[in-house]
Amino acid sequence: MELPEKLEPDNPIWRFALAFWRKPGAQQTCLALQDQGWSVTRILCAGWLALEGRPYSGTEHATLTEWRQHVTGALRAVRKSLPKGHEHCQDLRDGVAGLELQAEQLELALAWQQLASETPDTTLMTGNAQLIRNNLAAAAYQTDQVVKAADELNTLASILAPFSNGDSQP
């Protein structure tokens, strides 16, 4: 896997992610979707783009997908395989969780690099609430995921909606 020479880990999507993650219900809902096979990075990109008035296509560069699968996903699998609350594993589990967060930040940096280089397509822009829902649906890998996650997507849409009133920056 080849990473671009220049990455911008502290970018607008990362700052949005930090602010969004602090909203009541956001973390739990995103993690519930992750357990159903969703990518939190894709959800965050979809939400951020909606707040920018831009549709999310769900298309990603191969490097981003590869990073998610081989780095972020691998660290998550290691963390999840370590026993929770075991006194001899807790420091290791916490350390791996920290590495997983760093991997997620670089994953968002890869996403930011792609999204920042794309020409915004605002011709498909609809009302903000509809754009949020459309973008969240586009974050699914498969159409049937959207139907199964209707409650979670409604929750995320309701959390994202207030950001449109100027709260998109932390």
Protein backbone atom coordinates (compact mmCIF):
# COMPACT_ATOMS: atom_id res chain seq x y z
CA MET A 1 0.00 0.00 0.00
CA GLU A 2 1.34 3.39 -0.95
CA LEU A 3 0.25 6.42 1.00
CA PRO A 4 0.43 9.93 -0.46
CA GLU A 5 3.49 11.92 0.56
CA LYS A 6 1.41 14.66 2.11
CA LEU A 7 -1.53 13.93 4.36
CA GLU A 8 -3.42 16.44 6.43
CA PRO A 9 -4.53 14.62 9.63
CA ASP A 10 -5.97 17.79 11.18
CA ASN A 11 -8.50 18.60 8.47
CA PRO A 12 -12.11 19.82 8.39
CA ILE A 13 -13.57 16.29 8.40
CA TRP A 14 -11.46 15.33 11.43
CA ARG A 15 -12.54 18.46 13.30
CA PHE A 16 -16.15 17.78 12.35
CA ALA A 17 -15.77 14.16 13.52
CA LEU A 18 -14.49 15.29 16.92
CA ALA A 19 -17.40 17.71 17.35
CA PHE A 20 -19.97 15.22 16.07
CA TRP A 21 -18.65 12.43 18.30
CA ARG A 22 -19.39 14.59 21.37
CA LYS A 23 -23.07 14.94 20.46
CA PRO A 24 -25.37 12.78 22.59
CA GLY A 25 -26.14 9.53 20.79
CA ALA A 26 -23.65 9.98 17.95
CA GLN A 27 -20.95 7.66 19.27
CA GLN A 28 -23.33 4.89 20.30
CA THR A 29 -25.23 5.05 17.02
CA CYS A 30 -22.10 5.04 14.85
CA LEU A 31 -20.64 2.11 16.78
CA ALA A 32 -23.93 0.21 16.49
CA LEU A 33 -23.78 0.73 12.72
CA GLN A 34 -20.12 -0.33 12.70
CA ASP A 35 -21.19 -3.58 14.38
CA GLN A 36 -23.63 -4.03 11.47
CA GLY A 37 -20.81 -3.69 8.93
CA TRP A 38 -20.90 0.05 8.26
CA SER A 39 -17.79 2.22 8.05
CA VAL A 40 -17.80 5.12 10.49
CA THR A 41 -15.47 7.00 8.16
CA ARG A 42 -18.01 6.73 5.35
CA ILE A 43 -20.76 7.92 7.71
CA LEU A 44 -18.66 10.90 8.82
CA CYS A 45 -17.78 11.82 5.24
CA ALA A 46 -21.44 11.56 4.22
CA GLY A 47 -22.53 13.79 7.09
CA TRP A 48 -19.80 16.36 6.57
CA LEU A 49 -20.51 16.60 2.85
CA ALA A 50 -24.24 17.06 3.54
CA LEU A 51 -23.42 19.96 5.83
CA GLU A 52 -21.31 21.41 3.03
CA GLY A 53 -24.31 21.07 0.71
CA ARG A 54 -22.61 18.35 -1.32
CA PRO A 55 -23.86 14.87 -2.17
CA TYR A 56 -21.83 11.81 -1.16
CA SER A 57 -21.28 9.27 -3.92
CA GLY A 58 -19.90 6.53 -1.68
CA THR A 59 -17.00 6.10 -4.10
CA GLU A 60 -13.58 5.83 -2.48
CA HIS A 61 -10.02 5.56 -3.69
CA ALA A 62 -8.54 2.10 -3.39
CA THR A 63 -5.88 3.34 -0.94
CA LEU A 64 -8.55 4.46 1.51
CA THR A 65 -10.40 1.16 1.31
CA GLU A 66 -7.16 -0.78 1.64
CA TRP A 67 -6.11 1.30 4.68
CA ARG A 68 -9.48 0.66 6.34
CA GLN A 69 -9.27 -3.08 5.73
CA HIS A 70 -5.60 -3.72 6.49
CA VAL A 71 -4.75 -1.13 9.13
CA THR A 72 -7.78 0.30 10.93
CA GLY A 73 -9.72 -2.96 10.68
CA ALA A 74 -6.76 -5.04 11.80
CA LEU A 75 -6.18 -2.85 14.86
CA ARG A 76 -9.90 -2.99 15.69
CA ALA A 77 -9.84 -6.79 15.44
CA VAL A 78 -6.84 -6.96 17.78
CA ARG A 79 -8.49 -4.63 20.30
CA LYS A 80 -11.74 -6.60 20.22
CA SER A 81 -9.90 -9.88 20.71
CA LEU A 82 -8.28 -8.67 23.94
CA PRO A 83 -10.32 -9.40 27.08
CA LYS A 84 -12.14 -6.39 28.50
CA GLY A 85 -11.34 -5.59 32.10
CA HIS A 86 -8.57 -8.16 32.45
CA GLU A 87 -5.95 -6.51 34.63
CA HIS A 88 -3.02 -7.85 32.60
CA CYS A 89 -4.51 -6.87 29.24
CA GLN A 90 -6.03 -3.48 30.02
CA ASP A 91 -2.90 -1.43 29.25
CA LEU A 92 -2.40 -3.35 26.01
CA ARG A 93 -6.07 -2.91 25.08
CA ASP A 94 -5.87 0.84 25.80
CA GLY A 95 -2.69 1.12 23.74
CA VAL A 96 -4.22 -0.65 20.77
CA ALA A 97 -7.34 1.56 21.09
CA GLY A 98 -5.06 4.62 20.86
CA LEU A 99 -3.40 3.21 17.74
CA GLU A 100 -6.82 2.47 16.27
CA LEU A 101 -7.83 6.10 16.79
CA GLN A 102 -4.63 7.27 15.06
CA ALA A 103 -5.38 4.90 12.16
CA GLU A 104 -8.91 6.32 11.94
CA GLN A 105 -7.51 9.85 11.84
CA LEU A 106 -5.25 8.89 8.93
CA GLU A 107 -8.20 7.17 7.27
CA LEU A 108 -10.13 10.43 7.49
CA ALA A 109 -7.06 12.26 6.15
CA LEU A 110 -7.13 9.98 3.11
CA ALA A 111 -10.85 10.65 2.71
CA TRP A 112 -10.28 14.40 3.08
CA GLN A 113 -7.59 14.36 0.43
CA GLN A 114 -9.97 12.68 -2.00
CA LEU A 115 -12.98 14.88 -1.18
CA ALA A 116 -10.97 18.12 -1.22
CA SER A 117 -9.66 17.32 -4.70
CA GLU A 118 -13.12 16.60 -6.15
CA THR A 119 -15.09 19.33 -7.85
CA PRO A 120 -18.20 19.90 -5.74
CA ASP A 121 -21.36 18.69 -7.47
CA THR A 122 -24.12 20.95 -6.21
CA THR A 123 -26.53 20.31 -9.06
CA LEU A 124 -28.11 17.43 -7.13
CA MET A 125 -28.39 19.44 -3.92
CA THR A 126 -31.82 19.21 -2.30
CA GLY A 127 -33.12 20.37 1.06
CA ASN A 128 -30.63 19.86 3.84
CA ALA A 129 -32.63 17.16 5.65
CA GLN A 130 -33.07 15.20 2.43
CA LEU A 131 -29.41 15.61 1.50
CA ILE A 132 -28.37 14.31 4.94
CA ARG A 133 -30.59 11.23 4.52
CA ASN A 134 -29.41 10.62 0.94
CA ASN A 135 -25.76 10.93 1.96
CA LEU A 136 -26.15 8.60 4.93
CA ALA A 137 -27.83 6.05 2.67
CA ALA A 138 -24.93 6.38 0.20
CA ALA A 139 -22.52 5.50 3.02
CA ALA A 140 -23.91 1.95 3.06
CA TYR A 141 -21.95 -0.72 1.27
CA GLN A 142 -25.20 -2.44 0.25
CA THR A 143 -28.74 -1.18 -0.24
CA ASP A 144 -30.23 -3.67 2.24
CA GLN A 145 -28.09 -2.14 5.00
CA VAL A 146 -30.10 1.08 4.71
CA VAL A 147 -33.42 -0.65 5.41
CA LYS A 148 -32.01 -2.62 8.35
CA ALA A 149 -30.47 0.52 9.87
CA ALA A 150 -33.42 2.88 9.40
CA ASP A 151 -33.65 3.75 13.12
CA GLU A 152 -29.93 4.43 13.44
CA LEU A 153 -29.89 6.54 10.27
CA ASN A 154 -32.85 8.57 11.55
CA THR A 155 -30.96 9.14 14.80
CA LEU A 156 -27.84 10.29 12.94
CA ALA A 157 -29.89 12.56 10.68
CA SER A 158 -31.45 14.21 13.72
CA ILE A 159 -28.01 14.70 15.28
CA LEU A 160 -26.61 16.16 12.05
CA ALA A 161 -29.50 18.52 11.33
CA PRO A 162 -28.55 21.17 13.95
CA PHE A 163 -25.03 21.35 12.52
CA SER A 164 -26.53 22.98 9.44
CA ASN A 165 -27.25 26.07 11.52
CA GLY A 166 -23.60 27.07 11.65
CA ASP A 167 -22.41 24.39 14.05
CA SER A 168 -20.38 22.41 11.50
CA GLN A 169 -17.08 23.60 12.95
CA PRO A 170 -15.94 22.60 16.42
